Amino acid sequence: MNIMKINWFKSKFLPKIRKKIANLSKKVDKKSVLNCFRARMFLFSVAVFVLPFLVSLDQVSKPSFPVSDERKPLETIWVVATAYSSEVAQTDDTPCIPADGYDLCAHYDEYGEGNTIATNFLPLGAQVKIPELYGEKVFIVHDRMNKRYGQGRIDIWMPSRAEAKAFGVKRLKIEYYGGSRWRIVSN
């Protein structure tokens, strides 16, 4: 009895199903199937790779590297502090360019303040704070002093000679935060 039902099904419905499949295969070509597949893969890629990255950007609140405000000083050093300005009489023939190639005058024009000290006992690029005079302001060692001044002395850059003279000579405590040597590569 089961064989009769199967034969009846084959004779009655199978030709209709085959016709429908043939009609569908005429309508759907390989190119449209491939384009549909590509579109789905693109959406999948965006969902898996891009969206999680965009969500994680919202959670970033501060840089992962230490900022000098958050670090403790490596060393506290007593120094004799003087000041200098960008004049040929106090520097070499390029008064705005210190030992490491940084442009002091351009920095002052842009920010309205100096951030440079000259010293012989700290590496170029070292970060220093002078809390007694400047609080939390960070100075960078960009310049060197004449060898006759030796060790234990710093020279703070001032925009004018009058300000440098008014600063005078002071004995101060500085906080040394480290830093690395860097130089501007010129071609």
N, C-alpha and C. Protein backbone atom coordinates (compact mmCIF):
# COMPACT_ATOMS: atom_id res chain seq x y z
N MET A 1 0.80 -1.18 0.00
CA MET A 1 0.00 0.00 0.00
C MET A 1 0.86 1.26 0.00
N ASN A 2 1.96 1.20 0.68
CA ASN A 2 2.86 2.35 0.71
C ASN A 2 3.44 2.64 -0.66
N ILE A 3 3.70 1.60 -1.42
CA ILE A 3 4.27 1.76 -2.75
C ILE A 3 3.27 2.46 -3.66
N MET A 4 2.01 2.18 -3.51
CA MET A 4 1.00 2.83 -4.34
C MET A 4 0.92 4.32 -4.03
N LYS A 5 1.02 4.67 -2.75
CA LYS A 5 0.97 6.09 -2.38
C LYS A 5 2.16 6.84 -2.95
N ILE A 6 3.31 6.22 -2.90
CA ILE A 6 4.52 6.86 -3.41
C ILE A 6 4.43 7.04 -4.91
N ASN A 7 3.98 6.02 -5.62
CA ASN A 7 3.83 6.14 -7.07
C ASN A 7 2.81 7.21 -7.44
N TRP A 8 1.73 7.25 -6.69
CA TRP A 8 0.71 8.28 -6.94
C TRP A 8 1.30 9.67 -6.72
N PHE A 9 2.09 9.85 -5.65
CA PHE A 9 2.73 11.14 -5.34
C PHE A 9 3.69 11.52 -6.46
N LYS A 10 4.49 10.54 -6.91
CA LYS A 10 5.46 10.80 -7.98
C LYS A 10 4.74 11.23 -9.26
N SER A 11 3.67 10.56 -9.59
CA SER A 11 2.99 10.87 -10.84
C SER A 11 2.21 12.17 -10.75
N LYS A 12 1.70 12.51 -9.60
CA LYS A 12 0.85 13.69 -9.44
C LYS A 12 1.67 14.96 -9.17
N PHE A 13 2.60 14.93 -8.20
CA PHE A 13 3.25 16.17 -7.73
C PHE A 13 4.68 16.37 -8.23
N LEU A 14 5.39 15.32 -8.51
CA LEU A 14 6.78 15.45 -8.90
C LEU A 14 6.97 16.27 -10.17
N PRO A 15 6.18 16.10 -11.20
CA PRO A 15 6.35 16.95 -12.39
C PRO A 15 6.12 18.43 -12.09
N LYS A 16 5.17 18.74 -11.21
CA LYS A 16 4.90 20.14 -10.86
C LYS A 16 6.09 20.74 -10.11
N ILE A 17 6.67 19.97 -9.19
CA ILE A 17 7.82 20.45 -8.40
C ILE A 17 9.01 20.67 -9.32
N ARG A 18 9.21 19.75 -10.26
CA ARG A 18 10.33 19.91 -11.19
C ARG A 18 10.15 21.16 -12.05
N LYS A 19 8.94 21.45 -12.48
CA LYS A 19 8.68 22.65 -13.28
C LYS A 19 8.99 23.92 -12.47
N LYS A 20 8.55 23.94 -11.20
CA LYS A 20 8.80 25.11 -10.36
C LYS A 20 10.30 25.33 -10.15
N ILE A 21 11.03 24.25 -9.92
CA ILE A 21 12.48 24.36 -9.73
C ILE A 21 13.14 24.87 -11.01
N ALA A 22 12.69 24.39 -12.14
CA ALA A 22 13.25 24.83 -13.42
C ALA A 22 12.98 26.31 -13.64
N ASN A 23 11.76 26.77 -13.31
CA ASN A 23 11.43 28.19 -13.46
C ASN A 23 12.28 29.06 -12.53
N LEU A 24 12.47 28.60 -11.29
CA LEU A 24 13.30 29.36 -10.34
C LEU A 24 14.75 29.44 -10.81
N SER A 25 15.27 28.36 -11.32
CA SER A 25 16.66 28.36 -11.76
C SER A 25 16.87 29.28 -12.96
N LYS A 26 15.82 29.49 -13.77
CA LYS A 26 15.93 30.43 -14.87
C LYS A 26 16.00 31.86 -14.35
N LYS A 27 15.22 32.16 -13.29
CA LYS A 27 15.18 33.51 -12.73
C LYS A 27 16.46 33.85 -11.95
N VAL A 28 17.02 32.89 -11.25
CA VAL A 28 18.18 33.13 -10.39
C VAL A 28 19.43 32.67 -11.13
N ASP A 29 20.29 33.63 -11.46
CA ASP A 29 21.54 33.24 -12.09
C ASP A 29 22.68 33.27 -11.06
N LYS A 30 23.82 32.79 -11.45
CA LYS A 30 24.95 32.67 -10.53
C LYS A 30 25.46 34.03 -10.06
N LYS A 31 25.41 35.03 -10.93
CA LYS A 31 25.93 36.35 -10.58
C LYS A 31 25.13 37.00 -9.44
N SER A 32 23.81 36.90 -9.50
CA SER A 32 22.99 37.49 -8.44
C SER A 32 23.18 36.75 -7.12
N VAL A 33 23.36 35.43 -7.19
CA VAL A 33 23.62 34.66 -5.96
C VAL A 33 24.95 35.09 -5.36
N LEU A 34 25.96 35.28 -6.21
CA LEU A 34 27.27 35.70 -5.73
C LEU A 34 27.22 37.09 -5.12
N ASN A 35 26.49 38.01 -5.76
CA ASN A 35 26.34 39.36 -5.21
C ASN A 35 25.63 39.34 -3.87
N CYS A 36 24.62 38.54 -3.74
CA CYS A 36 23.91 38.41 -2.47
C CYS A 36 24.85 37.87 -1.39
N PHE A 37 25.65 36.89 -1.75
CA PHE A 37 26.61 36.31 -0.81
C PHE A 37 27.64 37.36 -0.38
N ARG A 38 28.14 38.13 -1.34
CA ARG A 38 29.11 39.19 -1.02
C ARG A 38 28.51 40.22 -0.08
N ALA A 39 27.28 40.63 -0.33
CA ALA A 39 26.62 41.61 0.53
C ALA A 39 26.48 41.08 1.95
N ARG A 40 26.09 39.82 2.07
CA ARG A 40 25.95 39.23 3.40
C ARG A 40 27.30 39.13 4.11
N MET A 41 28.35 38.80 3.38
CA MET A 41 29.69 38.71 3.98
C MET A 41 30.17 40.09 4.43
N PHE A 42 29.87 41.13 3.63
CA PHE A 42 30.26 42.48 4.01
C PHE A 42 29.56 42.89 5.31
N LEU A 43 28.27 42.67 5.40
CA LEU A 43 27.52 43.01 6.61
C LEU A 43 28.03 42.22 7.81
N PHE A 44 28.35 40.96 7.59
CA PHE A 44 28.91 40.14 8.66
C PHE A 44 30.25 40.70 9.13
N SER A 45 31.10 41.09 8.19
CA SER A 45 32.41 41.65 8.54
C SER A 45 32.27 42.93 9.34
N VAL A 46 31.37 43.80 8.92
CA VAL A 46 31.14 45.04 9.66
C VAL A 46 30.67 44.73 11.07
N ALA A 47 29.75 43.81 11.20
CA ALA A 47 29.20 43.47 12.51
C ALA A 47 30.26 42.87 13.43
N VAL A 48 31.14 42.06 12.88
CA VAL A 48 32.14 41.37 13.71
C VAL A 48 33.36 42.23 13.99
N PHE A 49 33.85 42.98 13.00
CA PHE A 49 35.12 43.67 13.16
C PHE A 49 35.00 45.16 13.47
N VAL A 50 34.07 45.87 12.88
CA VAL A 50 34.01 47.31 13.03
C VAL A 50 33.17 47.74 14.23
N LEU A 51 32.01 47.19 14.40
CA LEU A 51 31.13 47.62 15.49
C LEU A 51 31.75 47.45 16.88
N PRO A 52 32.38 46.33 17.20
CA PRO A 52 33.00 46.23 18.53
C PRO A 52 34.08 47.28 18.75
N PHE A 53 34.83 47.63 17.70
CA PHE A 53 35.86 48.65 17.81
C PHE A 53 35.23 50.01 18.12
N LEU A 54 34.15 50.35 17.43
CA LEU A 54 33.48 51.63 17.67
C LEU A 54 32.90 51.70 19.07
N VAL A 55 32.37 50.61 19.56
CA VAL A 55 31.83 50.58 20.92
C VAL A 55 32.95 50.75 21.93
N SER A 56 34.10 50.13 21.68
CA SER A 56 35.21 50.23 22.64
C SER A 56 35.81 51.62 22.67
N LEU A 57 35.68 52.43 21.59
CA LEU A 57 36.21 53.79 21.60
C LEU A 57 35.49 54.66 22.62
N ASP A 58 34.22 54.39 22.87
CA ASP A 58 33.48 55.16 23.86
C ASP A 58 34.01 54.93 25.26
N GLN A 59 34.62 53.78 25.49
CA GLN A 59 35.08 53.44 26.83
C GLN A 59 36.48 53.98 27.13
N VAL A 60 37.18 54.52 26.12
CA VAL A 60 38.52 55.06 26.33
C VAL A 60 38.39 56.43 26.97
N SER A 61 38.98 56.60 28.16
CA SER A 61 38.82 57.87 28.84
C SER A 61 40.12 58.65 28.96
N LYS A 62 41.26 57.98 29.15
CA LYS A 62 42.51 58.69 29.26
C LYS A 62 43.63 57.85 28.67
N PRO A 63 44.75 58.48 28.35
CA PRO A 63 45.83 57.74 27.73
C PRO A 63 46.41 56.68 28.66
N SER A 64 46.95 55.62 28.07
CA SER A 64 47.49 54.54 28.87
C SER A 64 48.93 54.80 29.29
N PHE A 65 49.59 55.79 28.69
CA PHE A 65 50.96 56.08 29.09
C PHE A 65 50.95 57.11 30.22
N PRO A 66 51.96 57.10 31.08
CA PRO A 66 51.95 58.02 32.22
C PRO A 66 52.23 59.46 31.78
N VAL A 67 51.49 60.37 32.33
CA VAL A 67 51.70 61.79 32.12
C VAL A 67 52.47 62.29 33.32
N SER A 68 53.31 63.31 33.14
CA SER A 68 54.17 63.73 34.24
C SER A 68 53.38 64.20 35.46
N ASP A 69 52.13 64.65 35.27
CA ASP A 69 51.32 65.03 36.43
C ASP A 69 51.02 63.83 37.32
N GLU A 70 50.94 62.64 36.74
CA GLU A 70 50.58 61.45 37.49
C GLU A 70 51.80 60.71 38.02
N ARG A 71 52.97 61.00 37.49
CA ARG A 71 54.17 60.29 37.90
C ARG A 71 54.81 60.94 39.11
N LYS A 72 55.55 60.14 39.84
CA LYS A 72 56.35 60.68 40.93
C LYS A 72 57.73 61.00 40.36
N PRO A 73 58.39 62.03 40.88
CA PRO A 73 59.71 62.36 40.35
C PRO A 73 60.72 61.26 40.62
N LEU A 74 61.61 61.05 39.66
CA LEU A 74 62.69 60.08 39.86
C LEU A 74 63.68 60.58 40.89
N GLU A 75 63.83 61.90 40.91
CA GLU A 75 64.83 62.50 41.78
C GLU A 75 64.45 63.95 42.06
N THR A 76 64.77 64.41 43.27
CA THR A 76 64.62 65.82 43.62
C THR A 76 66.03 66.37 43.79
N ILE A 77 66.34 67.45 43.09
CA ILE A 77 67.72 67.94 43.01
C ILE A 77 67.75 69.43 43.36
N TRP A 78 68.72 69.83 44.20
CA TRP A 78 68.96 71.24 44.47
C TRP A 78 69.89 71.78 43.39
N VAL A 79 69.50 72.90 42.78
CA VAL A 79 70.30 73.49 41.70
C VAL A 79 70.42 74.99 41.88
N VAL A 80 71.38 75.56 41.20
CA VAL A 80 71.48 77.01 41.06
C VAL A 80 70.79 77.35 39.75
N ALA A 81 69.79 78.24 39.81
CA ALA A 81 69.00 78.56 38.62
C ALA A 81 69.25 79.99 38.18
N THR A 82 69.48 80.16 36.90
CA THR A 82 69.58 81.48 36.28
C THR A 82 68.65 81.47 35.07
N ALA A 83 68.61 82.58 34.35
CA ALA A 83 67.74 82.67 33.18
C ALA A 83 68.52 83.23 32.00
N TYR A 84 68.05 82.92 30.80
CA TYR A 84 68.66 83.46 29.58
C TYR A 84 67.56 83.73 28.58
N SER A 85 67.90 84.49 27.55
CA SER A 85 66.93 84.79 26.49
C SER A 85 67.58 84.50 25.13
N SER A 86 66.79 84.60 24.09
CA SER A 86 67.27 84.28 22.74
C SER A 86 67.96 85.48 22.12
N GLU A 87 69.18 85.73 22.53
CA GLU A 87 70.01 86.78 21.95
C GLU A 87 71.34 86.17 21.54
N VAL A 88 71.90 86.67 20.48
CA VAL A 88 73.18 86.14 20.00
C VAL A 88 74.26 86.30 21.07
N ALA A 89 74.18 87.35 21.87
CA ALA A 89 75.17 87.58 22.93
C ALA A 89 75.10 86.49 24.01
N GLN A 90 73.93 85.88 24.20
CA GLN A 90 73.77 84.87 25.24
C GLN A 90 73.78 83.44 24.68
N THR A 91 73.67 83.32 23.38
CA THR A 91 73.62 81.99 22.75
C THR A 91 74.63 81.96 21.60
N ASP A 92 74.40 81.08 20.65
CA ASP A 92 75.26 81.07 19.46
C ASP A 92 74.61 81.91 18.36
N ASP A 93 74.98 81.68 17.12
CA ASP A 93 74.45 82.50 16.03
C ASP A 93 73.03 82.15 15.61
N THR A 94 72.44 81.11 16.20
CA THR A 94 71.02 80.78 15.96
C THR A 94 70.30 80.81 17.31
N PRO A 95 69.92 81.98 17.78
CA PRO A 95 69.40 82.11 19.15
C PRO A 95 68.08 81.39 19.41
N CYS A 96 67.26 81.17 18.40
CA CYS A 96 65.96 80.51 18.63
C CYS A 96 66.05 79.00 18.56
N ILE A 97 67.19 78.46 18.13
CA ILE A 97 67.34 77.02 17.98
C ILE A 97 68.33 76.50 19.02
N PRO A 98 67.85 75.74 20.02
CA PRO A 98 68.75 75.20 21.05
C PRO A 98 69.48 73.95 20.56
N ALA A 99 70.13 73.26 21.47
CA ALA A 99 71.00 72.12 21.13
C ALA A 99 70.28 70.99 20.41
N ASP A 100 69.02 70.77 20.71
CA ASP A 100 68.33 69.63 20.09
C ASP A 100 67.54 69.99 18.83
N GLY A 101 67.59 71.25 18.39
CA GLY A 101 66.93 71.64 17.16
C GLY A 101 65.50 72.15 17.33
N TYR A 102 65.00 72.19 18.54
CA TYR A 102 63.65 72.68 18.84
C TYR A 102 63.60 74.18 18.58
N ASP A 103 62.48 74.71 18.10
CA ASP A 103 62.37 76.15 17.82
C ASP A 103 61.69 76.86 18.99
N LEU A 104 62.51 77.51 19.84
CA LEU A 104 61.98 78.20 21.03
C LEU A 104 61.04 79.34 20.66
N CYS A 105 61.43 80.13 19.69
CA CYS A 105 60.63 81.31 19.32
C CYS A 105 59.27 80.91 18.75
N ALA A 106 59.25 79.86 17.93
CA ALA A 106 57.98 79.39 17.38
C ALA A 106 57.07 78.88 18.49
N HIS A 107 57.65 78.17 19.48
CA HIS A 107 56.85 77.68 20.61
C HIS A 107 56.27 78.86 21.39
N TYR A 108 57.09 79.88 21.62
CA TYR A 108 56.61 81.05 22.36
C TYR A 108 55.52 81.79 21.58
N ASP A 109 55.70 81.91 20.28
CA ASP A 109 54.68 82.58 19.45
C ASP A 109 53.36 81.82 19.48
N GLU A 110 53.44 80.49 19.51
CA GLU A 110 52.22 79.67 19.48
C GLU A 110 51.54 79.59 20.84
N TYR A 111 52.31 79.41 21.91
CA TYR A 111 51.71 79.16 23.23
C TYR A 111 51.82 80.34 24.20
N GLY A 112 52.62 81.33 23.90
CA GLY A 112 52.73 82.50 24.76
C GLY A 112 53.54 82.27 26.03
N GLU A 113 54.27 81.18 26.09
CA GLU A 113 55.14 80.91 27.24
C GLU A 113 56.27 79.99 26.82
N GLY A 114 57.32 79.98 27.61
CA GLY A 114 58.45 79.11 27.33
C GLY A 114 58.36 77.84 28.15
N ASN A 115 59.00 76.78 27.65
CA ASN A 115 59.02 75.52 28.38
C ASN A 115 60.41 74.90 28.38
N THR A 116 61.43 75.72 28.16
CA THR A 116 62.77 75.20 27.92
C THR A 116 63.72 75.55 29.05
N ILE A 117 64.55 74.58 29.40
CA ILE A 117 65.68 74.85 30.28
C ILE A 117 66.93 74.31 29.62
N ALA A 118 68.06 74.90 30.01
CA ALA A 118 69.37 74.43 29.55
C ALA A 118 70.11 73.90 30.77
N THR A 119 70.74 72.76 30.61
CA THR A 119 71.55 72.19 31.68
C THR A 119 72.51 71.17 31.08
N ASN A 120 73.57 70.87 31.81
CA ASN A 120 74.56 69.90 31.33
C ASN A 120 74.45 68.55 32.02
N PHE A 121 73.73 68.46 33.12
CA PHE A 121 73.72 67.21 33.89
C PHE A 121 72.49 66.34 33.66
N LEU A 122 71.54 66.78 32.87
CA LEU A 122 70.36 65.99 32.53
C LEU A 122 70.34 65.74 31.02
N PRO A 123 69.77 64.62 30.58
CA PRO A 123 69.74 64.35 29.13
C PRO A 123 68.76 65.28 28.40
N LEU A 124 69.04 65.51 27.13
CA LEU A 124 68.10 66.28 26.31
C LEU A 124 66.76 65.55 26.28
N GLY A 125 65.69 66.29 26.41
CA GLY A 125 64.35 65.69 26.41
C GLY A 125 63.84 65.36 27.80
N ALA A 126 64.67 65.56 28.83
CA ALA A 126 64.24 65.26 30.20
C ALA A 126 63.14 66.22 30.63
N GLN A 127 62.20 65.72 31.43
CA GLN A 127 61.10 66.54 31.93
C GLN A 127 61.41 66.96 33.37
N VAL A 128 61.21 68.23 33.64
CA VAL A 128 61.56 68.81 34.94
C VAL A 128 60.43 69.72 35.39
N LYS A 129 60.16 69.71 36.70
CA LYS A 129 59.24 70.69 37.29
C LYS A 129 60.01 71.52 38.29
N ILE A 130 59.61 72.79 38.40
CA ILE A 130 60.20 73.70 39.39
C ILE A 130 59.05 74.19 40.26
N PRO A 131 58.63 73.38 41.26
CA PRO A 131 57.40 73.69 42.00
C PRO A 131 57.43 75.01 42.76
N GLU A 132 58.59 75.43 43.26
CA GLU A 132 58.66 76.68 44.03
C GLU A 132 58.26 77.89 43.20
N LEU A 133 58.62 77.89 41.93
CA LEU A 133 58.34 79.05 41.08
C LEU A 133 57.16 78.85 40.13
N TYR A 134 57.03 77.63 39.57
CA TYR A 134 56.07 77.42 38.49
C TYR A 134 55.02 76.35 38.78
N GLY A 135 54.99 75.82 39.98
CA GLY A 135 53.98 74.82 40.34
C GLY A 135 54.10 73.55 39.52
N GLU A 136 53.03 73.20 38.79
CA GLU A 136 52.97 71.94 38.04
C GLU A 136 53.44 72.06 36.58
N LYS A 137 53.92 73.22 36.20
CA LYS A 137 54.38 73.41 34.81
C LYS A 137 55.58 72.50 34.53
N VAL A 138 55.55 71.85 33.38
CA VAL A 138 56.63 70.93 32.99
C VAL A 138 57.57 71.63 32.02
N PHE A 139 58.85 71.61 32.35
CA PHE A 139 59.90 72.14 31.48
C PHE A 139 60.62 70.97 30.83
N ILE A 140 61.15 71.21 29.64
CA ILE A 140 61.90 70.20 28.90
C ILE A 140 63.33 70.69 28.72
N VAL A 141 64.30 69.79 28.91
CA VAL A 141 65.70 70.13 28.65
C VAL A 141 65.90 70.10 27.14
N HIS A 142 65.97 71.29 26.53
CA HIS A 142 66.17 71.41 25.09
C HIS A 142 67.56 71.94 24.76
N ASP A 143 68.27 72.48 25.75
CA ASP A 143 69.50 73.20 25.46
C ASP A 143 70.61 72.81 26.42
N ARG A 144 71.81 73.17 26.07
CA ARG A 144 72.99 72.94 26.90
C ARG A 144 73.58 74.28 27.31
N MET A 145 74.35 74.25 28.40
CA MET A 145 75.02 75.45 28.88
C MET A 145 76.50 75.36 28.52
N ASN A 146 77.20 76.48 28.66
CA ASN A 146 78.64 76.47 28.46
C ASN A 146 79.27 75.55 29.51
N LYS A 147 80.32 74.84 29.13
CA LYS A 147 80.96 73.87 30.03
C LYS A 147 81.50 74.52 31.30
N ARG A 148 81.81 75.80 31.25
CA ARG A 148 82.38 76.46 32.44
C ARG A 148 81.41 76.49 33.61
N TYR A 149 80.09 76.33 33.32
CA TYR A 149 79.11 76.33 34.41
C TYR A 149 79.01 74.98 35.10
N GLY A 150 79.52 73.93 34.52
CA GLY A 150 79.60 72.63 35.16
C GLY A 150 78.24 71.99 35.42
N GLN A 151 78.19 71.22 36.51
CA GLN A 151 76.99 70.45 36.88
C GLN A 151 76.19 71.21 37.95
N GLY A 152 74.95 70.79 38.17
CA GLY A 152 74.13 71.36 39.24
C GLY A 152 73.62 72.75 38.96
N ARG A 153 73.52 73.11 37.72
CA ARG A 153 73.04 74.45 37.37
C ARG A 153 72.07 74.34 36.20
N ILE A 154 71.00 75.14 36.24
CA ILE A 154 70.05 75.19 35.12
C ILE A 154 69.88 76.63 34.67
N ASP A 155 69.52 76.79 33.43
CA ASP A 155 69.25 78.08 32.84
C ASP A 155 67.83 78.02 32.27
N ILE A 156 66.94 78.85 32.74
CA ILE A 156 65.55 78.85 32.29
C ILE A 156 65.40 79.87 31.17
N TRP A 157 64.78 79.47 30.05
CA TRP A 157 64.61 80.38 28.92
C TRP A 157 63.50 81.37 29.21
N MET A 158 63.78 82.64 28.94
CA MET A 158 62.81 83.73 29.06
C MET A 158 62.68 84.43 27.71
N PRO A 159 61.52 85.00 27.41
CA PRO A 159 61.34 85.62 26.09
C PRO A 159 62.12 86.93 25.90
N SER A 160 62.50 87.61 26.99
CA SER A 160 63.22 88.87 26.82
C SER A 160 64.40 88.94 27.79
N ARG A 161 65.37 89.77 27.44
CA ARG A 161 66.55 89.93 28.29
C ARG A 161 66.18 90.57 29.62
N ALA A 162 65.22 91.49 29.61
CA ALA A 162 64.80 92.16 30.85
C ALA A 162 64.22 91.14 31.84
N GLU A 163 63.41 90.21 31.36
CA GLU A 163 62.85 89.17 32.24
C GLU A 163 63.95 88.26 32.77
N ALA A 164 64.92 87.94 31.93
CA ALA A 164 66.03 87.09 32.36
C ALA A 164 66.86 87.77 33.44
N LYS A 165 67.13 89.06 33.27
CA LYS A 165 67.89 89.80 34.29
C LYS A 165 67.10 89.92 35.58
N ALA A 166 65.79 90.15 35.47
CA ALA A 166 64.94 90.27 36.66
C ALA A 166 64.88 88.95 37.44
N PHE A 167 65.03 87.84 36.76
CA PHE A 167 65.01 86.53 37.42
C PHE A 167 66.19 86.40 38.37
N GLY A 168 67.35 86.83 37.93
CA GLY A 168 68.54 86.79 38.78
C GLY A 168 69.09 85.38 38.96
N VAL A 169 69.65 85.12 40.15
CA VAL A 169 70.22 83.82 40.49
C VAL A 169 69.48 83.29 41.71
N LYS A 170 69.01 82.06 41.63
CA LYS A 170 68.25 81.47 42.75
C LYS A 170 68.74 80.05 43.01
N ARG A 171 68.63 79.63 44.26
CA ARG A 171 68.89 78.23 44.61
C ARG A 171 67.53 77.57 44.78
N LEU A 172 67.25 76.57 43.94
CA LEU A 172 65.92 75.97 43.89
C LEU A 172 66.00 74.45 43.95
N LYS A 173 64.87 73.87 44.30
CA LYS A 173 64.71 72.42 44.25
C LYS A 173 63.91 72.10 42.99
N ILE A 174 64.44 71.20 42.15
CA ILE A 174 63.71 70.78 40.95
C ILE A 174 63.35 69.32 41.08
N GLU A 175 62.29 68.93 40.38
CA GLU A 175 61.86 67.53 40.34
C GLU A 175 62.17 66.99 38.95
N TYR A 176 62.96 65.93 38.90
CA TYR A 176 63.37 65.32 37.63
C TYR A 176 62.48 64.11 37.37
N TYR A 177 61.79 64.11 36.21
CA TYR A 177 60.85 63.04 35.87
C TYR A 177 61.36 62.11 34.78
N GLY A 178 62.60 62.23 34.42
CA GLY A 178 63.12 61.37 33.36
C GLY A 178 62.82 61.95 32.00
N GLY A 179 62.93 61.13 31.02
CA GLY A 179 62.76 61.55 29.64
C GLY A 179 63.83 60.88 28.83
N SER A 180 63.73 61.02 27.56
CA SER A 180 64.69 60.32 26.71
C SER A 180 65.33 61.29 25.74
N ARG A 181 66.41 60.86 25.20
CA ARG A 181 67.07 61.66 24.16
C ARG A 181 66.24 61.56 22.88
N TRP A 182 66.12 62.65 22.21
CA TRP A 182 65.46 62.66 20.91
C TRP A 182 66.10 63.74 20.08
N ARG A 183 66.05 63.60 18.80
CA ARG A 183 66.61 64.62 17.92
C ARG A 183 65.77 64.69 16.65
N ILE A 184 65.77 65.83 16.07
CA ILE A 184 65.03 66.02 14.83
C ILE A 184 65.90 65.52 13.69
N VAL A 185 65.37 64.62 12.90
CA VAL A 185 66.11 64.05 11.78
C VAL A 185 65.95 64.98 10.59
N SER A 186 67.05 65.43 10.05
CA SER A 186 66.98 66.30 8.87
C SER A 186 67.57 65.56 7.68
N ASN A 187 67.01 65.82 6.53
CA ASN A 187 67.48 65.14 5.30
C ASN A 187 68.59 65.92 4.64
